[in-house]
Amino acid sequence: MILPKSLLLVGRRSFSTSRTAPAQLMTVRDALNSALDEEMERDERVFLLGEEVAQYDGAYKVSRGLWKKYGDKRVIDTPITEIGFAGIAVGAAMAGLRPICEFMTFNFSMQAIDHVINSAAKTFYMSAGLINVPIVFRGPNGAAAGVAAQHSQCFGAWYSHCPGLKVISPYNSEDCKGLLKAAIRDPDPVVFLENELLYGSQYPISDEALSKDFVLPIGKAKIERPGQHITIVAHSKAVETSLEAAQTLAGKGIEAEVINLRSLRPLDEETILKSVVKTNHIISVEQGWPQCGIGAEISARIMESPILDPGTG
């Protein structure tokens, strides 16, 4: 897609000077960086740890500039031992801090899944609600370019299966900023699934989203494109694929409604069902494996829902 010159000239931190000016563009990388910076500035309990997050500015430059601004105590380079630094992060959360634990890829979170599930996700329940674990596990998830099977798996379905976790899978820059800020402020553990291929992608971002007070609700989907003939449900980069498909369908007289899930757990069942009642058709698009996947869960909930039962009126 060729962008107008007026869009390309808009600076990352500038604001619109007239009502007719287009929304400014921001990369997903900069949106995540901005969210981290604002929340670390807002709350001194927030800190970031992971491999190469400090002096190297992060493997994907998401933490660029944060080590220089906040120092060694709040931006911490760790050894290559996911089970080690994930355990430290969970312990810090139990002790009252708000760690952000970065995995260089969620494939490597398999080394730390005992802490993610048994330590972080289950503690609030097992302590009878006495111990919160306010931690964010974040990093790239799913397929990237030329990184082979051990770096390409989507873990959205894995983590959304587990009670005690909230699971976020954002699409564009506004999603990433508003939902990462919400995740950091949440009192419970959040798995935040980014996409490596989207880090450098630019998306329009509103003046509202540039505010330090901008936070999006966890568990609420967004209708990216309204339509009346068919519903397309997706998350992360699959939203982009779905919007492209909807554009193609529109040329054939078919108006598709595209839903960006944003959150996988809790899943916004209400928005999905309302759309399906309107269109009577649904396609689920995801980049994970189909068996026991997000689409399978959506299909099951639709079939189980009384809203689609003719006998309910």
C-alpha atoms as a PDB file:
ATOM      1  CA  MET A   1       0.000   0.000   0.000  1.00  0.00           C
ATOM      2  CA  ILE A   2       1.341   3.454  -0.930  1.00  0.00           C
ATOM      3  CA  LEU A   3       0.824   6.003   1.827  1.00  0.00           C
ATOM      4  CA  PRO A   4       0.109   9.686   1.084  1.00  0.00           C
ATOM      5  CA  LYS A   5       3.139  11.930   1.528  1.00  0.00           C
ATOM      6  CA  SER A   6       1.259  13.802   4.263  1.00  0.00           C
ATOM      7  CA  LEU A   7       1.164  10.606   6.324  1.00  0.00           C
ATOM      8  CA  LEU A   8       4.809   9.790   5.837  1.00  0.00           C
ATOM      9  CA  LEU A   9       5.894  13.200   7.090  1.00  0.00           C
ATOM     10  CA  VAL A  10       4.080  12.972  10.422  1.00  0.00           C
ATOM     11  CA  GLY A  11       6.542  12.590  13.323  1.00  0.00           C
ATOM     12  CA  ARG A  12       6.151   9.861  15.930  1.00  0.00           C
ATOM     13  CA  ARG A  13       5.519  12.256  18.802  1.00  0.00           C
ATOM     14  CA  SER A  14       3.765  15.099  16.968  1.00  0.00           C
ATOM     15  CA  PHE A  15       0.084  15.921  17.290  1.00  0.00           C
ATOM     16  CA  SER A  16      -2.472  16.947  14.677  1.00  0.00           C
ATOM     17  CA  THR A  17      -2.630  20.714  14.185  1.00  0.00           C
ATOM     18  CA  SER A  18      -5.942  20.785  12.352  1.00  0.00           C
ATOM     19  CA  ARG A  19      -9.149  18.807  12.353  1.00  0.00           C
ATOM     20  CA  THR A  20      -8.595  17.660   8.787  1.00  0.00           C
ATOM     21  CA  ALA A  21      -5.059  16.357   9.319  1.00  0.00           C
ATOM     22  CA  PRO A  22      -4.722  12.561   9.134  1.00  0.00           C
ATOM     23  CA  ALA A  23      -4.018  10.518  12.245  1.00  0.00           C
ATOM     24  CA  GLN A  24      -0.325  10.128  12.894  1.00  0.00           C
ATOM     25  CA  LEU A  25       1.399   6.810  12.382  1.00  0.00           C
ATOM     26  CA  MET A  26       3.236   4.784  15.009  1.00  0.00           C
ATOM     27  CA  THR A  27       5.007   1.455  14.721  1.00  0.00           C
ATOM     28  CA  VAL A  28       3.994  -1.434  16.951  1.00  0.00           C
ATOM     29  CA  ARG A  29       7.544  -1.364  18.374  1.00  0.00           C
ATOM     30  CA  ASP A  30       7.227   2.294  19.378  1.00  0.00           C
ATOM     31  CA  ALA A  31       3.765   1.740  20.837  1.00  0.00           C
ATOM     32  CA  LEU A  32       5.068  -1.038  23.082  1.00  0.00           C
ATOM     33  CA  ASN A  33       8.107   1.047  24.039  1.00  0.00           C
ATOM     34  CA  SER A  34       5.878   3.993  24.903  1.00  0.00           C
ATOM     35  CA  ALA A  35       3.631   1.815  27.078  1.00  0.00           C
ATOM     36  CA  LEU A  36       6.618   0.412  28.972  1.00  0.00           C
ATOM     37  CA  ASP A  37       8.126   3.864  29.489  1.00  0.00           C
ATOM     38  CA  GLU A  38       4.886   5.444  30.687  1.00  0.00           C
ATOM     39  CA  GLU A  39       4.101   2.668  33.151  1.00  0.00           C
ATOM     40  CA  MET A  40       7.655   2.578  34.552  1.00  0.00           C
ATOM     41  CA  GLU A  41       7.468   6.337  35.019  1.00  0.00           C
ATOM     42  CA  ARG A  42       4.033   6.073  36.632  1.00  0.00           C
ATOM     43  CA  ASP A  43       4.834   3.271  39.103  1.00  0.00           C
ATOM     44  CA  GLU A  44       8.299   2.658  40.554  1.00  0.00           C
ATOM     45  CA  ARG A  45       7.347  -0.945  41.343  1.00  0.00           C
ATOM     46  CA  VAL A  46       7.356  -1.767  37.612  1.00  0.00           C
ATOM     47  CA  PHE A  47      10.569  -3.255  36.250  1.00  0.00           C
ATOM     48  CA  LEU A  48      11.647  -5.163  33.142  1.00  0.00           C
ATOM     49  CA  LEU A  49      13.874  -8.231  32.980  1.00  0.00           C
ATOM     50  CA  GLY A  50      14.907 -10.653  30.275  1.00  0.00           C
ATOM     51  CA  GLU A  51      17.645 -11.513  27.810  1.00  0.00           C
ATOM     52  CA  GLU A  52      19.301  -8.454  26.211  1.00  0.00           C
ATOM     53  CA  VAL A  53      16.568  -6.045  27.367  1.00  0.00           C
ATOM     54  CA  ALA A  54      18.980  -3.516  28.915  1.00  0.00           C
ATOM     55  CA  GLN A  55      22.301  -2.606  27.321  1.00  0.00           C
ATOM     56  CA  TYR A  56      21.322  -4.015  23.910  1.00  0.00           C
ATOM     57  CA  ASP A  57      17.905  -2.244  24.007  1.00  0.00           C
ATOM     58  CA  GLY A  58      16.113  -5.554  23.494  1.00  0.00           C
ATOM     59  CA  ALA A  59      16.454  -8.171  20.760  1.00  0.00           C
ATOM     60  CA  TYR A  60      13.694  -6.365  18.830  1.00  0.00           C
ATOM     61  CA  LYS A  61      14.473  -2.891  20.249  1.00  0.00           C
ATOM     62  CA  VAL A  62      11.179  -2.759  22.132  1.00  0.00           C
ATOM     63  CA  SER A  63      12.985  -1.643  25.311  1.00  0.00           C
ATOM     64  CA  ARG A  64      15.099   0.948  23.487  1.00  0.00           C
ATOM     65  CA  GLY A  65      16.306   3.715  25.822  1.00  0.00           C
ATOM     66  CA  LEU A  66      14.760   2.304  28.997  1.00  0.00           C
ATOM     67  CA  TRP A  67      18.017   1.075  30.576  1.00  0.00           C
ATOM     68  CA  LYS A  68      19.629   4.469  30.088  1.00  0.00           C
ATOM     69  CA  LYS A  69      16.604   6.177  31.642  1.00  0.00           C
ATOM     70  CA  TYR A  70      15.830   3.825  34.548  1.00  0.00           C
ATOM     71  CA  GLY A  71      19.134   2.077  35.263  1.00  0.00           C
ATOM     72  CA  ASP A  72      20.271  -1.399  36.261  1.00  0.00           C
ATOM     73  CA  LYS A  73      17.743  -1.948  39.050  1.00  0.00           C
ATOM     74  CA  ARG A  74      14.694  -1.547  36.834  1.00  0.00           C
ATOM     75  CA  VAL A  75      15.883  -2.841  33.456  1.00  0.00           C
ATOM     76  CA  ILE A  76      17.765  -6.064  34.048  1.00  0.00           C
ATOM     77  CA  ASP A  77      19.740  -8.206  31.632  1.00  0.00           C
ATOM     78  CA  THR A  78      19.469 -11.876  32.583  1.00  0.00           C
ATOM     79  CA  PRO A  79      21.409 -15.012  31.695  1.00  0.00           C
ATOM     80  CA  ILE A  80      19.925 -17.367  29.100  1.00  0.00           C
ATOM     81  CA  THR A  81      17.835 -19.272  31.630  1.00  0.00           C
ATOM     82  CA  GLU A  82      14.097 -18.717  31.227  1.00  0.00           C
ATOM     83  CA  ILE A  83      13.182 -20.914  34.173  1.00  0.00           C
ATOM     84  CA  GLY A  84      15.536 -18.880  36.345  1.00  0.00           C
ATOM     85  CA  PHE A  85      14.504 -15.327  35.533  1.00  0.00           C
ATOM     86  CA  ALA A  86      10.805 -16.225  35.218  1.00  0.00           C
ATOM     87  CA  GLY A  87      10.985 -17.650  38.741  1.00  0.00           C
ATOM     88  CA  ILE A  88      12.689 -14.502  40.028  1.00  0.00           C
ATOM     89  CA  ALA A  89       9.982 -12.395  38.363  1.00  0.00           C
ATOM     90  CA  VAL A  90       7.126 -14.406  39.896  1.00  0.00           C
ATOM     91  CA  GLY A  91       8.726 -14.171  43.336  1.00  0.00           C
ATOM     92  CA  ALA A  92       9.121 -10.415  42.924  1.00  0.00           C
ATOM     93  CA  ALA A  93       5.429 -10.121  42.012  1.00  0.00           C
ATOM     94  CA  MET A  94       4.434 -12.095  45.102  1.00  0.00           C
ATOM     95  CA  ALA A  95       6.533  -9.710  47.156  1.00  0.00           C
ATOM     96  CA  GLY A  96       4.679  -6.644  45.843  1.00  0.00           C
ATOM     97  CA  LEU A  97       6.601  -5.552  42.749  1.00  0.00           C
ATOM     98  CA  ARG A  98       5.214  -5.467  39.200  1.00  0.00           C
ATOM     99  CA  PRO A  99       7.668  -7.292  36.929  1.00  0.00           C
ATOM    100  CA  ILE A 100       7.511  -7.456  33.149  1.00  0.00           C
ATOM    101  CA  CYS A 101       9.205 -10.680  32.088  1.00  0.00           C
ATOM    102  CA  GLU A 102      10.301 -10.692  28.442  1.00  0.00           C
ATOM    103  CA  PHE A 103      10.799 -13.925  26.536  1.00  0.00           C
ATOM    104  CA  MET A 104      12.872 -13.516  23.373  1.00  0.00           C
ATOM    105  CA  THR A 105      10.215 -15.775  21.833  1.00  0.00           C
ATOM    106  CA  PHE A 106       7.310 -17.539  23.500  1.00  0.00           C
ATOM    107  CA  ASN A 107       8.723 -20.801  22.212  1.00  0.00           C
ATOM    108  CA  PHE A 108      11.362 -20.347  24.918  1.00  0.00           C
ATOM    109  CA  SER A 109       8.663 -19.855  27.548  1.00  0.00           C
ATOM    110  CA  MET A 110       8.368 -23.648  27.519  1.00  0.00           C
ATOM    111  CA  GLN A 111      11.517 -23.589  29.665  1.00  0.00           C
ATOM    112  CA  ALA A 112       9.605 -21.472  32.198  1.00  0.00           C
ATOM    113  CA  ILE A 113       6.068 -22.811  31.893  1.00  0.00           C
ATOM    114  CA  ASP A 114       6.146 -24.327  35.388  1.00  0.00           C
ATOM    115  CA  HIS A 115       6.501 -20.823  36.842  1.00  0.00           C
ATOM    116  CA  VAL A 116       3.972 -19.298  34.437  1.00  0.00           C
ATOM    117  CA  ILE A 117       1.286 -21.884  35.229  1.00  0.00           C
ATOM    118  CA  ASN A 118       1.997 -23.477  38.612  1.00  0.00           C
ATOM    119  CA  SER A 119       3.546 -20.445  40.325  1.00  0.00           C
ATOM    120  CA  ALA A 120       1.893 -17.414  38.721  1.00  0.00           C
ATOM    121  CA  ALA A 121      -1.501 -18.584  37.430  1.00  0.00           C
ATOM    122  CA  LYS A 122      -2.540 -20.835  40.331  1.00  0.00           C
ATOM    123  CA  THR A 123      -1.331 -18.905  43.381  1.00  0.00           C
ATOM    124  CA  PHE A 124      -4.319 -16.555  43.744  1.00  0.00           C
ATOM    125  CA  TYR A 125      -6.677 -19.566  43.827  1.00  0.00           C
ATOM    126  CA  MET A 126      -4.451 -21.716  46.034  1.00  0.00           C
ATOM    127  CA  SER A 127      -3.993 -18.881  48.532  1.00  0.00           C
ATOM    128  CA  ALA A 128      -7.763 -18.386  48.786  1.00  0.00           C
ATOM    129  CA  GLY A 129      -7.422 -14.943  47.228  1.00  0.00           C
ATOM    130  CA  LEU A 130      -4.759 -13.710  49.628  1.00  0.00           C
ATOM    131  CA  ILE A 131      -1.805 -13.492  47.230  1.00  0.00           C
ATOM    132  CA  ASN A 132      -1.961 -11.595  43.950  1.00  0.00           C
ATOM    133  CA  VAL A 133       0.716 -12.110  41.311  1.00  0.00           C
ATOM    134  CA  PRO A 134       0.792  -8.905  39.213  1.00  0.00           C
ATOM    135  CA  ILE A 135       3.170  -9.959  36.446  1.00  0.00           C
ATOM    136  CA  VAL A 136       3.284  -9.606  32.657  1.00  0.00           C
ATOM    137  CA  PHE A 137       4.947 -12.250  30.493  1.00  0.00           C
ATOM    138  CA  ARG A 138       5.525 -10.679  27.074  1.00  0.00           C
ATOM    139  CA  GLY A 139       7.413 -11.261  23.835  1.00  0.00           C
ATOM    140  CA  PRO A 140       6.936 -12.378  20.206  1.00  0.00           C
ATOM    141  CA  ASN A 141       4.613 -15.305  19.540  1.00  0.00           C
ATOM    142  CA  GLY A 142       3.785 -17.328  16.448  1.00  0.00           C
ATOM    143  CA  ALA A 143       5.386 -17.595  13.027  1.00  0.00           C
ATOM    144  CA  ALA A 144       8.018 -15.135  11.863  1.00  0.00           C
ATOM    145  CA  ALA A 145      10.281 -15.129   8.782  1.00  0.00           C
ATOM    146  CA  GLY A 146      12.737 -17.991   8.279  1.00  0.00           C
ATOM    147  CA  VAL A 147      13.121 -18.972  11.934  1.00  0.00           C
ATOM    148  CA  ALA A 148      12.054 -22.637  11.690  1.00  0.00           C
ATOM    149  CA  ALA A 149       9.740 -24.724  13.846  1.00  0.00           C
ATOM    150  CA  GLN A 150      11.309 -24.083  17.263  1.00  0.00           C
ATOM    151  CA  HIS A 151      10.710 -20.331  16.902  1.00  0.00           C
ATOM    152  CA  SER A 152       7.392 -20.337  15.033  1.00  0.00           C
ATOM    153  CA  GLN A 153       4.684 -21.832  17.229  1.00  0.00           C
ATOM    154  CA  CYS A 154       1.647 -19.900  18.418  1.00  0.00           C
ATOM    155  CA  PHE A 155       0.926 -20.458  22.111  1.00  0.00           C
ATOM    156  CA  GLY A 156      -2.355 -18.539  22.259  1.00  0.00           C
ATOM    157  CA  ALA A 157      -4.437 -21.671  22.691  1.00  0.00           C
ATOM    158  CA  TRP A 158      -1.988 -23.173  25.212  1.00  0.00           C
ATOM    159  CA  TYR A 159      -2.048 -20.273  27.620  1.00  0.00           C
ATOM    160  CA  SER A 160      -5.706 -19.348  27.143  1.00  0.00           C
ATOM    161  CA  HIS A 161      -6.551 -22.894  28.292  1.00  0.00           C
ATOM    162  CA  CYS A 162      -5.226 -22.157  31.802  1.00  0.00           C
ATOM    163  CA  PRO A 163      -7.392 -20.647  34.557  1.00  0.00           C
ATOM    164  CA  GLY A 164      -5.661 -17.838  36.416  1.00  0.00           C
ATOM    165  CA  LEU A 165      -4.094 -16.250  33.343  1.00  0.00           C
ATOM    166  CA  LYS A 166      -5.339 -13.397  31.190  1.00  0.00           C
ATOM    167  CA  VAL A 167      -4.106 -13.739  27.609  1.00  0.00           C
ATOM    168  CA  ILE A 168      -3.802 -10.811  25.213  1.00  0.00           C
ATOM    169  CA  SER A 169      -3.012 -11.050  21.495  1.00  0.00           C
ATOM    170  CA  PRO A 170      -2.955  -7.493  20.061  1.00  0.00           C
ATOM    171  CA  TYR A 171      -2.941  -6.477  16.412  1.00  0.00           C
ATOM    172  CA  ASN A 172      -2.038  -2.835  15.764  1.00  0.00           C
ATOM    173  CA  SER A 173      -0.219  -0.021  17.562  1.00  0.00           C
ATOM    174  CA  GLU A 174      -3.239   1.234  19.481  1.00  0.00           C
ATOM    175  CA  ASP A 175      -3.996  -2.304  20.679  1.00  0.00           C
ATOM    176  CA  CYS A 176      -0.415  -2.770  21.829  1.00  0.00           C
ATOM    177  CA  LYS A 177      -0.158   0.468  23.758  1.00  0.00           C
ATOM    178  CA  GLY A 178      -3.541   0.388  25.467  1.00  0.00           C
ATOM    179  CA  LEU A 179      -3.515  -3.303  26.293  1.00  0.00           C
ATOM    180  CA  LEU A 180       0.090  -3.483  27.510  1.00  0.00           C
ATOM    181  CA  LYS A 181      -0.620  -0.617  29.910  1.00  0.00           C
ATOM    182  CA  ALA A 182      -3.736  -2.454  31.098  1.00  0.00           C
ATOM    183  CA  ALA A 183      -1.733  -5.670  31.547  1.00  0.00           C
ATOM    184  CA  ILE A 184       0.939  -3.934  33.633  1.00  0.00           C
ATOM    185  CA  ARG A 185      -1.702  -2.394  35.895  1.00  0.00           C
ATOM    186  CA  ASP A 186      -3.674  -5.637  36.287  1.00  0.00           C
ATOM    187  CA  PRO A 187      -3.441  -7.375  39.688  1.00  0.00           C
ATOM    188  CA  ASP A 188      -3.154 -10.828  38.123  1.00  0.00           C
ATOM    189  CA  PRO A 189      -0.735 -12.572  35.732  1.00  0.00           C
ATOM    190  CA  VAL A 190      -1.083 -11.622  32.060  1.00  0.00           C
ATOM    191  CA  VAL A 191       0.431 -13.351  29.039  1.00  0.00           C
ATOM    192  CA  PHE A 192       0.986 -10.720  26.332  1.00  0.00           C
ATOM    193  CA  LEU A 193       1.528 -12.290  22.896  1.00  0.00           C
ATOM    194  CA  GLU A 194       3.186  -9.953  20.407  1.00  0.00           C
ATOM    195  CA  ASN A 195       4.036 -10.673  16.756  1.00  0.00           C
ATOM    196  CA  GLU A 196       7.589 -10.316  15.448  1.00  0.00           C
ATOM    197  CA  LEU A 197       6.481  -9.520  11.898  1.00  0.00           C
ATOM    198  CA  LEU A 198       4.377  -6.574  13.111  1.00  0.00           C
ATOM    199  CA  TYR A 199       7.031  -4.772  15.193  1.00  0.00           C
ATOM    200  CA  GLY A 200       8.057  -2.535  12.292  1.00  0.00           C
ATOM    201  CA  SER A 201       4.554  -2.036  10.900  1.00  0.00           C
ATOM    202  CA  GLN A 202       3.018   1.434  11.161  1.00  0.00           C
ATOM    203  CA  TYR A 203      -0.627   2.036  12.003  1.00  0.00           C
ATOM    204  CA  PRO A 204      -2.694   5.180  12.582  1.00  0.00           C
ATOM    205  CA  ILE A 205      -2.918   6.111  16.241  1.00  0.00           C
ATOM    206  CA  SER A 206      -5.365   8.608  17.711  1.00  0.00           C
ATOM    207  CA  ASP A 207      -4.541  11.614  19.868  1.00  0.00           C
ATOM    208  CA  GLU A 208      -6.430   9.849  22.668  1.00  0.00           C
ATOM    209  CA  ALA A 209      -4.087   6.860  22.442  1.00  0.00           C
ATOM    210  CA  LEU A 210      -1.062   9.135  22.800  1.00  0.00           C
ATOM    211  CA  SER A 211      -2.232  10.136  26.270  1.00  0.00           C
ATOM    212  CA  LYS A 212      -0.482   8.600  29.263  1.00  0.00           C
ATOM    213  CA  ASP A 213      -3.928   7.792  30.636  1.00  0.00           C
ATOM    214  CA  PHE A 214      -4.949   5.706  27.607  1.00  0.00           C
ATOM    215  CA  VAL A 215      -5.811   2.139  28.642  1.00  0.00           C
ATOM    216  CA  LEU A 216      -7.898  -0.421  26.764  1.00  0.00           C
ATOM    217  CA  PRO A 217     -10.107  -2.924  28.627  1.00  0.00           C
ATOM    218  CA  ILE A 218      -8.885  -6.511  28.752  1.00  0.00           C
ATOM    219  CA  GLY A 219     -11.482  -8.946  27.442  1.00  0.00           C
ATOM    220  CA  LYS A 220     -13.156  -6.602  24.943  1.00  0.00           C
ATOM    221  CA  ALA A 221     -12.930  -7.239  21.197  1.00  0.00           C
ATOM    222  CA  LYS A 222     -13.045  -4.532  18.516  1.00  0.00           C
ATOM    223  CA  ILE A 223     -15.045  -4.540  15.297  1.00  0.00           C
ATOM    224  CA  GLU A 224     -12.406  -3.412  12.811  1.00  0.00           C
ATOM    225  CA  ARG A 225     -14.784  -3.423   9.854  1.00  0.00           C
ATOM    226  CA  PRO A 226     -18.587  -3.623  10.085  1.00  0.00           C
ATOM    227  CA  GLY A 227     -20.463  -5.919   7.719  1.00  0.00           C
ATOM    228  CA  GLN A 228     -23.708  -7.821   7.354  1.00  0.00           C
ATOM    229  CA  HIS A 229     -23.057 -10.933   5.274  1.00  0.00           C
ATOM    230  CA  ILE A 230     -20.342 -12.877   7.107  1.00  0.00           C
ATOM    231  CA  THR A 231     -18.305 -12.596  10.318  1.00  0.00           C
ATOM    232  CA  ILE A 232     -14.524 -13.030  10.285  1.00  0.00           C
ATOM    233  CA  VAL A 233     -12.894 -13.433  13.704  1.00  0.00           C
ATOM    234  CA  ALA A 234      -9.118 -13.172  14.158  1.00  0.00           C
ATOM    235  CA  HIS A 235      -6.321 -12.085  16.470  1.00  0.00           C
ATOM    236  CA  SER A 236      -2.799 -10.699  16.070  1.00  0.00           C
ATOM    237  CA  LYS A 237      -1.447 -10.708  12.497  1.00  0.00           C
ATOM    238  CA  ALA A 238      -4.388 -12.764  11.270  1.00  0.00           C
ATOM    239  CA  VAL A 239      -6.501  -9.590  11.645  1.00  0.00           C
ATOM    240  CA  GLU A 240      -4.459  -8.067   8.828  1.00  0.00           C
ATOM    241  CA  THR A 241      -5.123 -11.121   6.648  1.00  0.00           C
ATOM    242  CA  SER A 242      -8.821 -10.909   7.483  1.00  0.00           C
ATOM    243  CA  LEU A 243      -9.065  -7.217   6.583  1.00  0.00           C
ATOM    244  CA  GLU A 244      -7.394  -7.909   3.250  1.00  0.00           C
ATOM    245  CA  ALA A 245      -9.876 -10.731   2.607  1.00  0.00           C
ATOM    246  CA  ALA A 246     -12.783  -8.461   3.544  1.00  0.00           C
ATOM    247  CA  GLN A 247     -11.564  -5.888   1.040  1.00  0.00           C
ATOM    248  CA  THR A 248     -11.499  -8.544  -1.687  1.00  0.00           C
ATOM    249  CA  LEU A 249     -14.973  -9.777  -0.736  1.00  0.00           C
ATOM    250  CA  ALA A 250     -16.339  -6.227  -0.833  1.00  0.00           C
ATOM    251  CA  GLY A 251     -15.378  -6.064  -4.498  1.00  0.00           C
ATOM    252  CA  LYS A 252     -17.726  -9.008  -5.041  1.00  0.00           C
ATOM    253  CA  GLY A 253     -20.617  -7.465  -3.124  1.00  0.00           C
ATOM    254  CA  ILE A 254     -20.013  -9.382   0.116  1.00  0.00           C
ATOM    255  CA  GLU A 255     -19.677  -7.193   3.214  1.00  0.00           C
ATOM    256  CA  ALA A 256     -17.661  -9.020   5.888  1.00  0.00           C
ATOM    257  CA  GLU A 257     -17.587  -7.954   9.526  1.00  0.00           C
ATOM    258  CA  VAL A 258     -14.041  -8.308  10.864  1.00  0.00           C
ATOM    259  CA  ILE A 259     -13.624  -8.772  14.620  1.00  0.00           C
ATOM    260  CA  ASN A 260     -10.236  -8.210  16.244  1.00  0.00           C
ATOM    261  CA  LEU A 261     -10.398 -10.379  19.376  1.00  0.00           C
ATOM    262  CA  ARG A 262      -7.565  -8.525  21.195  1.00  0.00           C
ATOM    263  CA  SER A 263      -7.993 -10.831  24.215  1.00  0.00           C
ATOM    264  CA  LEU A 264      -8.055 -14.629  24.089  1.00  0.00           C
ATOM    265  CA  ARG A 265      -8.840 -15.031  27.787  1.00  0.00           C
ATOM    266  CA  PRO A 266     -11.275 -13.669  28.728  1.00  0.00           C
ATOM    267  CA  LEU A 267     -12.850 -14.094  25.287  1.00  0.00           C
ATOM    268  CA  ASP A 268     -15.425 -11.482  24.233  1.00  0.00           C
ATOM    269  CA  GLU A 269     -18.171 -13.982  23.529  1.00  0.00           C
ATOM    270  CA  GLU A 270     -20.864 -11.296  23.474  1.00  0.00           C
ATOM    271  CA  THR A 271     -19.369  -9.388  20.525  1.00  0.00           C
ATOM    272  CA  ILE A 272     -18.852 -12.605  18.532  1.00  0.00           C
ATOM    273  CA  LEU A 273     -22.388 -13.895  19.129  1.00  0.00           C
ATOM    274  CA  LYS A 274     -24.039 -10.572  18.281  1.00  0.00           C
ATOM    275  CA  SER A 275     -22.190 -10.525  14.982  1.00  0.00           C
ATOM    276  CA  VAL A 276     -23.045 -14.136  14.141  1.00  0.00           C
ATOM    277  CA  VAL A 277     -26.722 -13.546  14.913  1.00  0.00           C
ATOM    278  CA  LYS A 278     -26.603 -10.710  12.380  1.00  0.00           C
ATOM    279  CA  THR A 279     -24.608 -12.457   9.625  1.00  0.00           C
ATOM    280  CA  ASN A 280     -25.445 -16.155  10.217  1.00  0.00           C
ATOM    281  CA  HIS A 281     -21.975 -17.100   8.951  1.00  0.00           C
ATOM    282  CA  ILE A 282     -18.549 -17.102  10.609  1.00  0.00           C
ATOM    283  CA  ILE A 283     -14.950 -17.789   9.642  1.00  0.00           C
ATOM    284  CA  SER A 284     -12.234 -17.990  12.302  1.00  0.00           C
ATOM    285  CA  VAL A 285      -8.724 -17.055  11.169  1.00  0.00           C
ATOM    286  CA  GLU A 286      -5.627 -17.769  13.246  1.00  0.00           C
ATOM    287  CA  GLN A 287      -1.969 -18.633  12.756  1.00  0.00           C
ATOM    288  CA  GLY A 288      -1.905 -21.444  15.285  1.00  0.00           C
ATOM    289  CA  TRP A 289      -2.654 -25.125  14.738  1.00  0.00           C
ATOM    290  CA  PRO A 290      -6.376 -25.877  14.298  1.00  0.00           C
ATOM    291  CA  GLN A 291      -6.804 -28.781  16.753  1.00  0.00           C
ATOM    292  CA  CYS A 292      -7.930 -27.454  20.157  1.00  0.00           C
ATOM    293  CA  GLY A 293      -7.268 -23.945  18.839  1.00  0.00           C
ATOM    294  CA  ILE A 294      -8.936 -20.564  19.335  1.00  0.00           C
ATOM    295  CA  GLY A 295     -11.245 -21.231  16.388  1.00  0.00           C
ATOM    296  CA  ALA A 296     -12.295 -24.558  17.912  1.00  0.00           C
ATOM    297  CA  GLU A 297     -13.178 -22.777  21.163  1.00  0.00           C
ATOM    298  CA  ILE A 298     -15.194 -20.120  19.305  1.00  0.00           C
ATOM    299  CA  SER A 299     -17.061 -22.821  17.357  1.00  0.00           C
ATOM    300  CA  ALA A 300     -17.912 -24.667  20.565  1.00  0.00           C
ATOM    301  CA  ARG A 301     -19.206 -21.538  22.291  1.00  0.00           C
ATOM    302  CA  ILE A 302     -21.395 -20.638  19.325  1.00  0.00           C
ATOM    303  CA  MET A 303     -22.937 -24.121  19.266  1.00  0.00           C
ATOM    304  CA  GLU A 304     -23.482 -24.068  23.038  1.00  0.00           C
ATOM    305  CA  SER A 305     -24.984 -20.591  23.152  1.00  0.00           C
ATOM    306  CA  PRO A 306     -28.745 -20.300  23.741  1.00  0.00           C
ATOM    307  CA  ILE A 307     -28.782 -17.102  21.668  1.00  0.00           C
ATOM    308  CA  LEU A 308     -28.680 -19.218  18.505  1.00  0.00           C
ATOM    309  CA  ASP A 309     -31.416 -21.633  19.629  1.00  0.00           C
ATOM    310  CA  PRO A 310     -34.578 -21.040  17.543  1.00  0.00           C
ATOM    311  CA  GLY A 311     -36.636 -22.137  20.531  1.00  0.00           C
ATOM    312  CA  THR A 312     -35.513 -19.104  22.562  1.00  0.00           C
ATOM    313  CA  GLY A 313     -37.168 -16.690  20.160  1.00  0.00           C
END
